[in-house]
């Protein structure tokens, strides 16, 4: 049943809440890299949130399945994760020049203040 729910609402973009100012981009990368390649990360510091995009939906599903049984914690702070309503994160450059290659060779940091 959980698998069917995850498939119905799935996205390769993961929404992370309760991301305090002491939590760095690297902390988030370390938490999610065991589940696959992370292609983009957006830190929403004013909202204590982050969005990160996995290379594929199956990696995001694996991460969320794992964290249904294990509370994700970074630097002693519980963080809460769910699928984002966004199916993909785009950068300003992508919006101007069109889509990037499907497989990203480099990691993109996008900061929104």
PDB file of N, CA and C in Angstrom:
ATOM      1  N   UNK A   1       0.825  -1.191   0.000  1.00  0.00           N
ATOM      2  CA  UNK A   1       0.000   0.000   0.000  1.00  0.00           C
ATOM      3  C   UNK A   1       0.875   1.263   0.000  1.00  0.00           C
ATOM      4  N   UNK A   2       1.913   1.324   0.854  1.00  0.00           N
ATOM      5  CA  UNK A   2       2.812   2.467   0.891  1.00  0.00           C
ATOM      6  C   UNK A   2       3.476   2.666  -0.456  1.00  0.00           C
ATOM      7  N   UNK A   3       3.914   1.590  -1.088  1.00  0.00           N
ATOM      8  CA  UNK A   3       4.570   1.681  -2.387  1.00  0.00           C
ATOM      9  C   UNK A   3       3.637   2.320  -3.413  1.00  0.00           C
ATOM     10  N   UNK A   4       2.357   1.915  -3.404  1.00  0.00           N
ATOM     11  CA  UNK A   4       1.395   2.471  -4.346  1.00  0.00           C
ATOM     12  C   UNK A   4       1.181   3.955  -4.073  1.00  0.00           C
ATOM     13  N   UNK A   5       1.140   4.354  -2.806  1.00  0.00           N
ATOM     14  CA  UNK A   5       0.985   5.754  -2.456  1.00  0.00           C
ATOM     15  C   UNK A   5       2.191   6.563  -2.927  1.00  0.00           C
ATOM     16  N   UNK A   6       3.388   6.037  -2.717  1.00  0.00           N
ATOM     17  CA  UNK A   6       4.591   6.732  -3.154  1.00  0.00           C
ATOM     18  C   UNK A   6       4.627   6.887  -4.666  1.00  0.00           C
ATOM     19  N   UNK A   7       4.214   5.857  -5.384  1.00  0.00           N
ATOM     20  CA  UNK A   7       4.219   5.916  -6.844  1.00  0.00           C
ATOM     21  C   UNK A   7       3.215   6.960  -7.341  1.00  0.00           C
ATOM     22  N   UNK A   8       2.060   7.049  -6.716  1.00  0.00           N
ATOM     23  CA  UNK A   8       1.013   7.961  -7.170  1.00  0.00           C
ATOM     24  C   UNK A   8       1.416   9.427  -6.997  1.00  0.00           C
ATOM     25  N   UNK A   9       2.167   9.751  -5.951  1.00  0.00           N
ATOM     26  CA  UNK A   9       2.526  11.128  -5.642  1.00  0.00           C
ATOM     27  C   UNK A   9       4.004  11.419  -5.895  1.00  0.00           C
ATOM     28  N   UNK A  10       4.695  10.540  -6.550  1.00  0.00           N
ATOM     29  CA  UNK A  10       6.149  10.638  -6.623  1.00  0.00           C
ATOM     30  C   UNK A  10       6.635  11.745  -7.550  1.00  0.00           C
ATOM     31  N   UNK A  11       7.842  12.183  -7.253  1.00  0.00           N
ATOM     32  CA  UNK A  11       8.545  13.201  -8.012  1.00  0.00           C
ATOM     33  C   UNK A  11      10.023  12.977  -7.759  1.00  0.00           C
ATOM     34  N   UNK A  12      10.871  13.388  -8.671  1.00  0.00           N
ATOM     35  CA  UNK A  12      12.304  13.271  -8.392  1.00  0.00           C
ATOM     36  C   UNK A  12      12.801  14.432  -7.533  1.00  0.00           C
ATOM     37  N   UNK A  13      11.882  15.368  -7.213  1.00  0.00           N
ATOM     38  CA  UNK A  13      12.208  16.499  -6.349  1.00  0.00           C
ATOM     39  C   UNK A  13      11.686  16.211  -4.940  1.00  0.00           C
ATOM     40  N   UNK A  14      12.578  16.346  -3.954  1.00  0.00           N
ATOM     41  CA  UNK A  14      12.251  16.092  -2.555  1.00  0.00           C
ATOM     42  C   UNK A  14      12.221  17.419  -1.806  1.00  0.00           C
ATOM     43  N   UNK A  15      11.167  17.627  -1.042  1.00  0.00           N
ATOM     44  CA  UNK A  15      10.986  18.823  -0.223  1.00  0.00           C
ATOM     45  C   UNK A  15      11.443  18.484   1.198  1.00  0.00           C
ATOM     46  N   UNK A  16      12.367  19.260   1.731  1.00  0.00           N
ATOM     47  CA  UNK A  16      12.910  19.030   3.074  1.00  0.00           C
ATOM     48  C   UNK A  16      12.532  20.227   3.947  1.00  0.00           C
ATOM     49  N   UNK A  17      11.898  19.947   5.089  1.00  0.00           N
ATOM     50  CA  UNK A  17      11.483  20.998   6.020  1.00  0.00           C
ATOM     51  C   UNK A  17      12.304  20.932   7.305  1.00  0.00           C
ATOM     52  N   UNK A  18      12.271  22.021   8.053  1.00  0.00           N
ATOM     53  CA  UNK A  18      12.995  22.171   9.318  1.00  0.00           C
ATOM     54  C   UNK A  18      14.509  22.188   9.101  1.00  0.00           C
ATOM     55  N   UNK A  19      14.921  22.831   8.016  1.00  0.00           N
ATOM     56  CA  UNK A  19      16.342  22.957   7.668  1.00  0.00           C
ATOM     57  C   UNK A  19      16.861  24.235   8.322  1.00  0.00           C
ATOM     58  N   UNK A  20      17.441  24.090   9.499  1.00  0.00           N
ATOM     59  CA  UNK A  20      17.957  25.245  10.228  1.00  0.00           C
ATOM     60  C   UNK A  20      19.180  25.854   9.567  1.00  0.00           C
ATOM     61  N   UNK A  21      19.532  27.052  10.019  1.00  0.00           N
ATOM     62  CA  UNK A  21      20.675  27.761   9.435  1.00  0.00           C
ATOM     63  C   UNK A  21      22.008  27.034   9.661  1.00  0.00           C
ATOM     64  N   UNK A  22      22.033  26.153  10.679  1.00  0.00           N
ATOM     65  CA  UNK A  22      23.267  25.395  10.935  1.00  0.00           C
ATOM     66  C   UNK A  22      23.453  24.244   9.946  1.00  0.00           C
ATOM     67  N   UNK A  23      22.431  23.937   9.176  1.00  0.00           N
ATOM     68  CA  UNK A  23      22.503  22.837   8.203  1.00  0.00           C
ATOM     69  C   UNK A  23      23.009  23.382   6.876  1.00  0.00           C
ATOM     70  N   UNK A  24      24.057  22.752   6.363  1.00  0.00           N
ATOM     71  CA  UNK A  24      24.680  23.216   5.120  1.00  0.00           C
ATOM     72  C   UNK A  24      24.198  22.386   3.921  1.00  0.00           C
ATOM     73  N   UNK A  25      24.520  22.891   2.750  1.00  0.00           N
ATOM     74  CA  UNK A  25      24.235  22.148   1.529  1.00  0.00           C
ATOM     75  C   UNK A  25      24.909  20.775   1.575  1.00  0.00           C
ATOM     76  N   UNK A  26      26.137  20.769   2.085  1.00  0.00           N
ATOM     77  CA  UNK A  26      26.891  19.515   2.171  1.00  0.00           C
ATOM     78  C   UNK A  26      26.205  18.510   3.100  1.00  0.00           C
ATOM     79  N   UNK A  27      25.605  18.993   4.185  1.00  0.00           N
ATOM     80  CA  UNK A  27      24.879  18.106   5.104  1.00  0.00           C
ATOM     81  C   UNK A  27      23.738  17.401   4.366  1.00  0.00           C
ATOM     82  N   UNK A  28      22.991  18.152   3.563  1.00  0.00           N
ATOM     83  CA  UNK A  28      21.887  17.567   2.802  1.00  0.00           C
ATOM     84  C   UNK A  28      22.404  16.579   1.761  1.00  0.00           C
ATOM     85  N   UNK A  29      23.501  16.929   1.108  1.00  0.00           N
ATOM     86  CA  UNK A  29      24.088  16.017   0.121  1.00  0.00           C
ATOM     87  C   UNK A  29      24.480  14.697   0.777  1.00  0.00           C
ATOM     88  N   UNK A  30      25.099  14.762   1.947  1.00  0.00           N
ATOM     89  CA  UNK A  30      25.513  13.548   2.641  1.00  0.00           C
ATOM     90  C   UNK A  30      24.325  12.690   3.043  1.00  0.00           C
ATOM     91  N   UNK A  31      23.201  13.320   3.392  1.00  0.00           N
ATOM     92  CA  UNK A  31      22.019  12.576   3.796  1.00  0.00           C
ATOM     93  C   UNK A  31      21.385  11.830   2.623  1.00  0.00           C
ATOM     94  N   UNK A  32      21.380  12.446   1.444  1.00  0.00           N
ATOM     95  CA  UNK A  32      20.649  11.864   0.316  1.00  0.00           C
ATOM     96  C   UNK A  32      21.519  11.158  -0.731  1.00  0.00           C
ATOM     97  N   UNK A  33      22.830  11.381  -0.756  1.00  0.00           N
ATOM     98  CA  UNK A  33      23.675  10.739  -1.760  1.00  0.00           C
ATOM     99  C   UNK A  33      23.658   9.217  -1.718  1.00  0.00           C
ATOM    100  N   UNK A  34      23.458   8.566  -0.574  1.00  0.00           N
ATOM    101  CA  UNK A  34      23.404   7.105  -0.596  1.00  0.00           C
ATOM    102  C   UNK A  34      22.265   6.547  -1.460  1.00  0.00           C
ATOM    103  N   UNK A  35      21.290   7.385  -1.797  1.00  0.00           N
ATOM    104  CA  UNK A  35      20.136   6.916  -2.556  1.00  0.00           C
ATOM    105  C   UNK A  35      20.242   7.186  -4.047  1.00  0.00           C
ATOM    106  N   UNK A  36      21.271   7.902  -4.473  1.00  0.00           N
ATOM    107  CA  UNK A  36      21.442   8.174  -5.895  1.00  0.00           C
ATOM    108  C   UNK A  36      22.078   9.528  -6.138  1.00  0.00           C
ATOM    109  N   UNK A  37      22.159   9.881  -7.396  1.00  0.00           N
ATOM    110  CA  UNK A  37      22.792  11.134  -7.813  1.00  0.00           C
ATOM    111  C   UNK A  37      21.836  12.295  -7.553  1.00  0.00           C
ATOM    112  N   UNK A  38      22.352  13.340  -6.909  1.00  0.00           N
ATOM    113  CA  UNK A  38      21.601  14.569  -6.680  1.00  0.00           C
ATOM    114  C   UNK A  38      22.035  15.563  -7.750  1.00  0.00           C
ATOM    115  N   UNK A  39      21.083  16.073  -8.524  1.00  0.00           N
ATOM    116  CA  UNK A  39      21.445  16.954  -9.635  1.00  0.00           C
ATOM    117  C   UNK A  39      21.272  18.428  -9.303  1.00  0.00           C
ATOM    118  N   UNK A  40      20.370  18.761  -8.389  1.00  0.00           N
ATOM    119  CA  UNK A  40      20.153  20.167  -8.035  1.00  0.00           C
ATOM    120  C   UNK A  40      19.756  20.280  -6.571  1.00  0.00           C
ATOM    121  N   UNK A  41      20.103  21.429  -5.984  1.00  0.00           N
ATOM    122  CA  UNK A  41      19.761  21.700  -4.598  1.00  0.00           C
ATOM    123  C   UNK A  41      19.405  23.167  -4.468  1.00  0.00           C
ATOM    124  N   UNK A  42      18.253  23.445  -3.891  1.00  0.00           N
ATOM    125  CA  UNK A  42      17.808  24.819  -3.636  1.00  0.00           C
ATOM    126  C   UNK A  42      17.626  24.963  -2.134  1.00  0.00           C
ATOM    127  N   UNK A  43      18.348  25.895  -1.532  1.00  0.00           N
ATOM    128  CA  UNK A  43      18.205  26.181  -0.113  1.00  0.00           C
ATOM    129  C   UNK A  43      17.258  27.370   0.032  1.00  0.00           C
ATOM    130  N   UNK A  44      16.167  27.184   0.730  1.00  0.00           N
ATOM    131  CA  UNK A  44      15.191  28.245   0.992  1.00  0.00           C
ATOM    132  C   UNK A  44      15.374  28.681   2.446  1.00  0.00           C
ATOM    133  N   UNK A  45      16.446  29.403   2.707  1.00  0.00           N
ATOM    134  CA  UNK A  45      16.867  29.733   4.070  1.00  0.00           C
ATOM    135  C   UNK A  45      15.789  30.481   4.847  1.00  0.00           C
ATOM    136  N   UNK A  46      15.105  31.420   4.218  1.00  0.00           N
ATOM    137  CA  UNK A  46      14.095  32.216   4.919  1.00  0.00           C
ATOM    138  C   UNK A  46      12.932  31.356   5.414  1.00  0.00           C
ATOM    139  N   UNK A  47      12.723  30.214   4.764  1.00  0.00           N
ATOM    140  CA  UNK A  47      11.630  29.326   5.140  1.00  0.00           C
ATOM    141  C   UNK A  47      12.099  28.077   5.874  1.00  0.00           C
ATOM    142  N   UNK A  48      13.420  27.966   6.124  1.00  0.00           N
ATOM    143  CA  UNK A  48      13.991  26.763   6.739  1.00  0.00           C
ATOM    144  C   UNK A  48      13.625  25.517   5.953  1.00  0.00           C
ATOM    145  N   UNK A  49      13.733  25.608   4.643  1.00  0.00           N
ATOM    146  CA  UNK A  49      13.387  24.501   3.759  1.00  0.00           C
ATOM    147  C   UNK A  49      14.447  24.343   2.679  1.00  0.00           C
ATOM    148  N   UNK A  50      14.390  23.201   2.017  1.00  0.00           N
ATOM    149  CA  UNK A  50      15.263  22.950   0.868  1.00  0.00           C
ATOM    150  C   UNK A  50      14.507  22.071  -0.122  1.00  0.00           C
ATOM    151  N   UNK A  51      14.884  22.183  -1.376  1.00  0.00           N
ATOM    152  CA  UNK A  51      14.399  21.300  -2.425  1.00  0.00           C
ATOM    153  C   UNK A  51      15.620  20.660  -3.047  1.00  0.00           C
ATOM    154  N   UNK A  52      15.579  19.363  -3.212  1.00  0.00           N
ATOM    155  CA  UNK A  52      16.679  18.722  -3.916  1.00  0.00           C
ATOM    156  C   UNK A  52      16.117  17.777  -4.958  1.00  0.00           C
ATOM    157  N   UNK A  53      16.806  17.725  -6.064  1.00  0.00           N
ATOM    158  CA  UNK A  53      16.358  16.907  -7.188  1.00  0.00           C
ATOM    159  C   UNK A  53      17.306  15.733  -7.375  1.00  0.00           C
ATOM    160  N   UNK A  54      16.721  14.564  -7.352  1.00  0.00           N
ATOM    161  CA  UNK A  54      17.483  13.351  -7.631  1.00  0.00           C
ATOM    162  C   UNK A  54      17.542  13.167  -9.152  1.00  0.00           C
ATOM    163  N   UNK A  55      18.459  12.332  -9.602  1.00  0.00           N
ATOM    164  CA  UNK A  55      18.586  12.104 -11.047  1.00  0.00           C
ATOM    165  C   UNK A  55      17.348  11.417 -11.622  1.00  0.00           C
ATOM    166  N   UNK A  56      16.689  10.581 -10.809  1.00  0.00           N
ATOM    167  CA  UNK A  56      15.494   9.897 -11.303  1.00  0.00           C
ATOM    168  C   UNK A  56      14.499   9.687 -10.162  1.00  0.00           C
ATOM    169  N   UNK A  57      13.269   9.401 -10.535  1.00  0.00           N
ATOM    170  CA  UNK A  57      12.188   9.229  -9.570  1.00  0.00           C
ATOM    171  C   UNK A  57      12.454   8.043  -8.649  1.00  0.00           C
ATOM    172  N   UNK A  58      13.016   6.971  -9.194  1.00  0.00           N
ATOM    173  CA  UNK A  58      13.237   5.781  -8.357  1.00  0.00           C
ATOM    174  C   UNK A  58      14.196   6.067  -7.205  1.00  0.00           C
ATOM    175  N   UNK A  59      15.177   6.924  -7.397  1.00  0.00           N
ATOM    176  CA  UNK A  59      16.086   7.292  -6.307  1.00  0.00           C
ATOM    177  C   UNK A  59      15.348   8.055  -5.224  1.00  0.00           C
ATOM    178  N   UNK A  60      14.464   8.962  -5.626  1.00  0.00           N
ATOM    179  CA  UNK A  60      13.674   9.723  -4.657  1.00  0.00           C
ATOM    180  C   UNK A  60      12.730   8.804  -3.888  1.00  0.00           C
ATOM    181  N   UNK A  61      12.116   7.857  -4.586  1.00  0.00           N
ATOM    182  CA  UNK A  61      11.221   6.903  -3.930  1.00  0.00           C
ATOM    183  C   UNK A  61      11.988   6.077  -2.903  1.00  0.00           C
ATOM    184  N   UNK A  62      13.176   5.611  -3.262  1.00  0.00           N
ATOM    185  CA  UNK A  62      13.996   4.819  -2.344  1.00  0.00           C
ATOM    186  C   UNK A  62      14.324   5.627  -1.087  1.00  0.00           C
ATOM    187  N   UNK A  63      14.677   6.903  -1.251  1.00  0.00           N
ATOM    188  CA  UNK A  63      14.995   7.751  -0.101  1.00  0.00           C
ATOM    189  C   UNK A  63      13.780   7.918   0.800  1.00  0.00           C
ATOM    190  N   UNK A  64      12.640   8.233   0.225  1.00  0.00           N
ATOM    191  CA  UNK A  64      11.446   8.435   1.041  1.00  0.00           C
ATOM    192  C   UNK A  64      10.985   7.145   1.711  1.00  0.00           C
ATOM    193  N   UNK A  65      11.136   6.029   1.028  1.00  0.00           N
ATOM    194  CA  UNK A  65      10.789   4.743   1.656  1.00  0.00           C
ATOM    195  C   UNK A  65      11.687   4.484   2.863  1.00  0.00           C
ATOM    196  N   UNK A  66      12.978   4.725   2.713  1.00  0.00           N
ATOM    197  CA  UNK A  66      13.909   4.510   3.815  1.00  0.00           C
ATOM    198  C   UNK A  66      13.534   5.389   5.012  1.00  0.00           C
ATOM    199  N   UNK A  67      13.240   6.656   4.737  1.00  0.00           N
ATOM    200  CA  UNK A  67      12.971   7.598   5.819  1.00  0.00           C
ATOM    201  C   UNK A  67      11.557   7.496   6.384  1.00  0.00           C
ATOM    202  N   UNK A  68      10.738   6.570   5.886  1.00  0.00           N
ATOM    203  CA  UNK A  68       9.462   6.316   6.559  1.00  0.00           C
ATOM    204  C   UNK A  68       9.698   5.514   7.838  1.00  0.00           C
ATOM    205  N   UNK A  69      10.813   4.784   7.889  1.00  0.00           N
ATOM    206  CA  UNK A  69      11.149   3.959   9.058  1.00  0.00           C
ATOM    207  C   UNK A  69      12.246   4.557   9.928  1.00  0.00           C
ATOM    208  N   UNK A  70      12.963   5.533   9.415  1.00  0.00           N
ATOM    209  CA  UNK A  70      14.088   6.145  10.120  1.00  0.00           C
ATOM    210  C   UNK A  70      13.902   7.660  10.072  1.00  0.00           C
ATOM    211  N   UNK A  71      13.861   8.300  11.235  1.00  0.00           N
ATOM    212  CA  UNK A  71      13.713   9.761  11.270  1.00  0.00           C
ATOM    213  C   UNK A  71      15.010  10.407  10.781  1.00  0.00           C
ATOM    214  N   UNK A  72      14.965  11.160   9.666  1.00  0.00           N
ATOM    215  CA  UNK A  72      16.195  11.818   9.210  1.00  0.00           C
ATOM    216  C   UNK A  72      16.582  12.957  10.153  1.00  0.00           C
ATOM    217  N   UNK A  73      17.842  12.957  10.547  1.00  0.00           N
ATOM    218  CA  UNK A  73      18.370  13.952  11.474  1.00  0.00           C
ATOM    219  C   UNK A  73      19.666  14.506  10.922  1.00  0.00           C
ATOM    220  N   UNK A  74      19.812  15.820  10.974  1.00  0.00           N
ATOM    221  CA  UNK A  74      21.043  16.480  10.556  1.00  0.00           C
ATOM    222  C   UNK A  74      21.479  17.404  11.678  1.00  0.00           C
ATOM    223  N   UNK A  75      22.704  17.216  12.162  1.00  0.00           N
ATOM    224  CA  UNK A  75      23.269  18.033  13.250  1.00  0.00           C
ATOM    225  C   UNK A  75      22.327  18.099  14.458  1.00  0.00           C
ATOM    226  N   UNK A  76      21.710  16.956  14.772  1.00  0.00           N
ATOM    227  CA  UNK A  76      20.829  16.869  15.923  1.00  0.00           C
ATOM    228  C   UNK A  76      19.430  17.418  15.708  1.00  0.00           C
ATOM    229  N   UNK A  77      19.128  17.866  14.511  1.00  0.00           N
ATOM    230  CA  UNK A  77      17.816  18.439  14.207  1.00  0.00           C
ATOM    231  C   UNK A  77      17.029  17.474  13.325  1.00  0.00           C
ATOM    232  N   UNK A  78      15.803  17.146  13.728  1.00  0.00           N
ATOM    233  CA  UNK A  78      14.941  16.331  12.878  1.00  0.00           C
ATOM    234  C   UNK A  78      14.529  17.142  11.657  1.00  0.00           C
ATOM    235  N   UNK A  79      14.689  16.555  10.481  1.00  0.00           N
ATOM    236  CA  UNK A  79      14.185  17.173   9.257  1.00  0.00           C
ATOM    237  C   UNK A  79      13.064  16.299   8.719  1.00  0.00           C
ATOM    238  N   UNK A  80      12.167  16.897   7.995  1.00  0.00           N
ATOM    239  CA  UNK A  80      10.982  16.197   7.509  1.00  0.00           C
ATOM    240  C   UNK A  80      10.961  16.272   5.989  1.00  0.00           C
ATOM    241  N   UNK A  81      10.723  15.122   5.370  1.00  0.00           N
ATOM    242  CA  UNK A  81      10.813  15.070   3.918  1.00  0.00           C
ATOM    243  C   UNK A  81       9.520  14.557   3.306  1.00  0.00           C
ATOM    244  N   UNK A  82       9.291  15.005   2.091  1.00  0.00           N
ATOM    245  CA  UNK A  82       8.146  14.547   1.311  1.00  0.00           C
ATOM    246  C   UNK A  82       8.454  14.848  -0.154  1.00  0.00           C
ATOM    247  N   UNK A  83       7.673  14.270  -1.046  1.00  0.00           N
ATOM    248  CA  UNK A  83       7.820  14.619  -2.445  1.00  0.00           C
ATOM    249  C   UNK A  83       7.373  16.063  -2.641  1.00  0.00           C
ATOM    250  N   UNK A  84       8.059  16.763  -3.512  1.00  0.00           N
ATOM    251  CA  UNK A  84       7.662  18.117  -3.863  1.00  0.00           C
ATOM    252  C   UNK A  84       6.527  18.066  -4.884  1.00  0.00           C
ATOM    253  N   UNK A  85       5.773  19.133  -4.956  1.00  0.00           N
ATOM    254  CA  UNK A  85       4.761  19.238  -6.013  1.00  0.00           C
ATOM    255  C   UNK A  85       5.424  19.561  -7.350  1.00  0.00           C
ATOM    256  N   UNK A  86       6.700  19.964  -7.319  1.00  0.00           N
ATOM    257  CA  UNK A  86       7.463  20.211  -8.547  1.00  0.00           C
ATOM    258  C   UNK A  86       7.984  18.880  -9.095  1.00  0.00           C
ATOM    259  N   UNK A  87       7.855  18.668 -10.367  1.00  0.00           N
ATOM    260  CA  UNK A  87       8.393  17.459 -10.984  1.00  0.00           C
ATOM    261  C   UNK A  87       9.863  17.620 -11.335  1.00  0.00           C
ATOM    262  N   UNK A  88      10.310  18.863 -11.486  1.00  0.00           N
ATOM    263  CA  UNK A  88      11.695  19.142 -11.847  1.00  0.00           C
ATOM    264  C   UNK A  88      12.029  20.561 -11.425  1.00  0.00           C
ATOM    265  N   UNK A  89      13.272  20.798 -11.006  1.00  0.00           N
ATOM    266  CA  UNK A  89      13.739  22.133 -10.678  1.00  0.00           C
ATOM    267  C   UNK A  89      14.445  22.701 -11.892  1.00  0.00           C
ATOM    268  N   UNK A  90      14.178  23.948 -12.195  1.00  0.00           N
ATOM    269  CA  UNK A  90      14.861  24.589 -13.321  1.00  0.00           C
ATOM    270  C   UNK A  90      15.666  25.768 -12.801  1.00  0.00           C
ATOM    271  N   UNK A  91      16.753  26.052 -13.485  1.00  0.00           N
ATOM    272  CA  UNK A  91      17.586  27.200 -13.145  1.00  0.00           C
ATOM    273  C   UNK A  91      17.227  28.336 -14.092  1.00  0.00           C
ATOM    274  N   UNK A  92      17.627  29.543 -13.738  1.00  0.00           N
ATOM    275  CA  UNK A  92      17.369  30.699 -14.601  1.00  0.00           C
ATOM    276  C   UNK A  92      17.995  30.483 -15.973  1.00  0.00           C
ATOM    277  N   UNK A  93      19.174  29.872 -15.997  1.00  0.00           N
ATOM    278  CA  UNK A  93      19.855  29.616 -17.263  1.00  0.00           C
ATOM    279  C   UNK A  93      19.044  28.667 -18.145  1.00  0.00           C
ATOM    280  N   UNK A  94      18.435  27.658 -17.558  1.00  0.00           N
ATOM    281  CA  UNK A  94      17.603  26.739 -18.318  1.00  0.00           C
ATOM    282  C   UNK A  94      16.403  27.468 -18.913  1.00  0.00           C
ATOM    283  N   UNK A  95      15.820  28.373 -18.141  1.00  0.00           N
ATOM    284  CA  UNK A  95      14.656  29.101 -18.623  1.00  0.00           C
ATOM    285  C   UNK A  95      15.004  29.987 -19.810  1.00  0.00           C
ATOM    286  N   UNK A  96      16.229  30.503 -19.837  1.00  0.00           N
ATOM    287  CA  UNK A  96      16.660  31.376 -20.923  1.00  0.00           C
ATOM    288  C   UNK A  96      17.084  30.565 -22.147  1.00  0.00           C
ATOM    289  N   UNK A  97      17.866  29.504 -21.936  1.00  0.00           N
ATOM    290  CA  UNK A  97      18.482  28.764 -23.028  1.00  0.00           C
ATOM    291  C   UNK A  97      17.800  27.448 -23.354  1.00  0.00           C
ATOM    292  N   UNK A  98      16.736  27.095 -22.687  1.00  0.00           N
ATOM    293  CA  UNK A  98      16.090  25.804 -22.926  1.00  0.00           C
ATOM    294  C   UNK A  98      16.601  24.770 -21.960  1.00  0.00           C
ATOM    295  N   UNK A  99      16.171  23.540 -22.148  1.00  0.00           N
ATOM    296  CA  UNK A  99      16.511  22.469 -21.209  1.00  0.00           C
ATOM    297  C   UNK A  99      17.956  22.029 -21.345  1.00  0.00           C
ATOM    298  N   UNK A 100      18.532  21.614 -20.212  1.00  0.00           N
ATOM    299  CA  UNK A 100      19.876  21.036 -20.222  1.00  0.00           C
ATOM    300  C   UNK A 100      19.795  19.606 -20.721  1.00  0.00           C
ATOM    301  N   UNK A 101      20.939  19.020 -20.924  1.00  0.00           N
ATOM    302  CA  UNK A 101      20.967  17.593 -21.250  1.00  0.00           C
ATOM    303  C   UNK A 101      20.253  16.822 -20.163  1.00  0.00           C
ATOM    304  N   UNK A 102      19.632  15.701 -20.516  1.00  0.00           N
ATOM    305  CA  UNK A 102      18.877  14.911 -19.545  1.00  0.00           C
ATOM    306  C   UNK A 102      19.765  14.413 -18.412  1.00  0.00           C
ATOM    307  N   UNK A 103      20.993  14.070 -18.697  1.00  0.00           N
ATOM    308  CA  UNK A 103      21.904  13.616 -17.652  1.00  0.00           C
ATOM    309  C   UNK A 103      22.851  14.764 -17.335  1.00  0.00           C
ATOM    310  N   UNK A 104      22.783  15.255 -16.100  1.00  0.00           N
ATOM    311  CA  UNK A 104      23.625  16.374 -15.690  1.00  0.00           C
ATOM    312  C   UNK A 104      24.982  15.841 -15.249  1.00  0.00           C
ATOM    313  N   UNK A 105      26.046  16.417 -15.785  1.00  0.00           N
ATOM    314  CA  UNK A 105      27.381  15.996 -15.398  1.00  0.00           C
ATOM    315  C   UNK A 105      27.896  16.784 -14.211  1.00  0.00           C
ATOM    316  N   UNK A 106      27.259  17.911 -13.914  1.00  0.00           N
ATOM    317  CA  UNK A 106      27.696  18.706 -12.774  1.00  0.00           C
ATOM    318  C   UNK A 106      26.509  18.995 -11.876  1.00  0.00           C
ATOM    319  N   UNK A 107      26.827  19.278 -10.639  1.00  0.00           N
ATOM    320  CA  UNK A 107      25.806  19.553  -9.643  1.00  0.00           C
ATOM    321  C   UNK A 107      25.491  21.035  -9.681  1.00  0.00           C
ATOM    322  N   UNK A 108      24.230  21.395  -9.578  1.00  0.00           N
ATOM    323  CA  UNK A 108      23.813  22.792  -9.610  1.00  0.00           C
ATOM    324  C   UNK A 108      23.350  23.228  -8.235  1.00  0.00           C
ATOM    325  N   UNK A 109      23.928  24.315  -7.735  1.00  0.00           N
ATOM    326  CA  UNK A 109      23.420  24.960  -6.521  1.00  0.00           C
ATOM    327  C   UNK A 109      22.574  26.132  -6.980  1.00  0.00           C
ATOM    328  N   UNK A 110      21.407  26.243  -6.441  1.00  0.00           N
ATOM    329  CA  UNK A 110      20.540  27.379  -6.728  1.00  0.00           C
ATOM    330  C   UNK A 110      20.156  27.947  -5.377  1.00  0.00           C
ATOM    331  N   UNK A 111      20.454  29.197  -5.146  1.00  0.00           N
ATOM    332  CA  UNK A 111      20.114  29.807  -3.860  1.00  0.00           C
ATOM    333  C   UNK A 111      19.006  30.823  -4.084  1.00  0.00           C
ATOM    334  N   UNK A 112      17.999  30.749  -3.238  1.00  0.00           N
ATOM    335  CA  UNK A 112      16.898  31.702  -3.282  1.00  0.00           C
ATOM    336  C   UNK A 112      16.878  32.388  -1.924  1.00  0.00           C
ATOM    337  N   UNK A 113      16.955  33.676  -1.916  1.00  0.00           N
ATOM    338  CA  UNK A 113      16.965  34.431  -0.661  1.00  0.00           C
ATOM    339  C   UNK A 113      15.676  35.184  -0.503  1.00  0.00           C
TER     340      UNK A 113
END
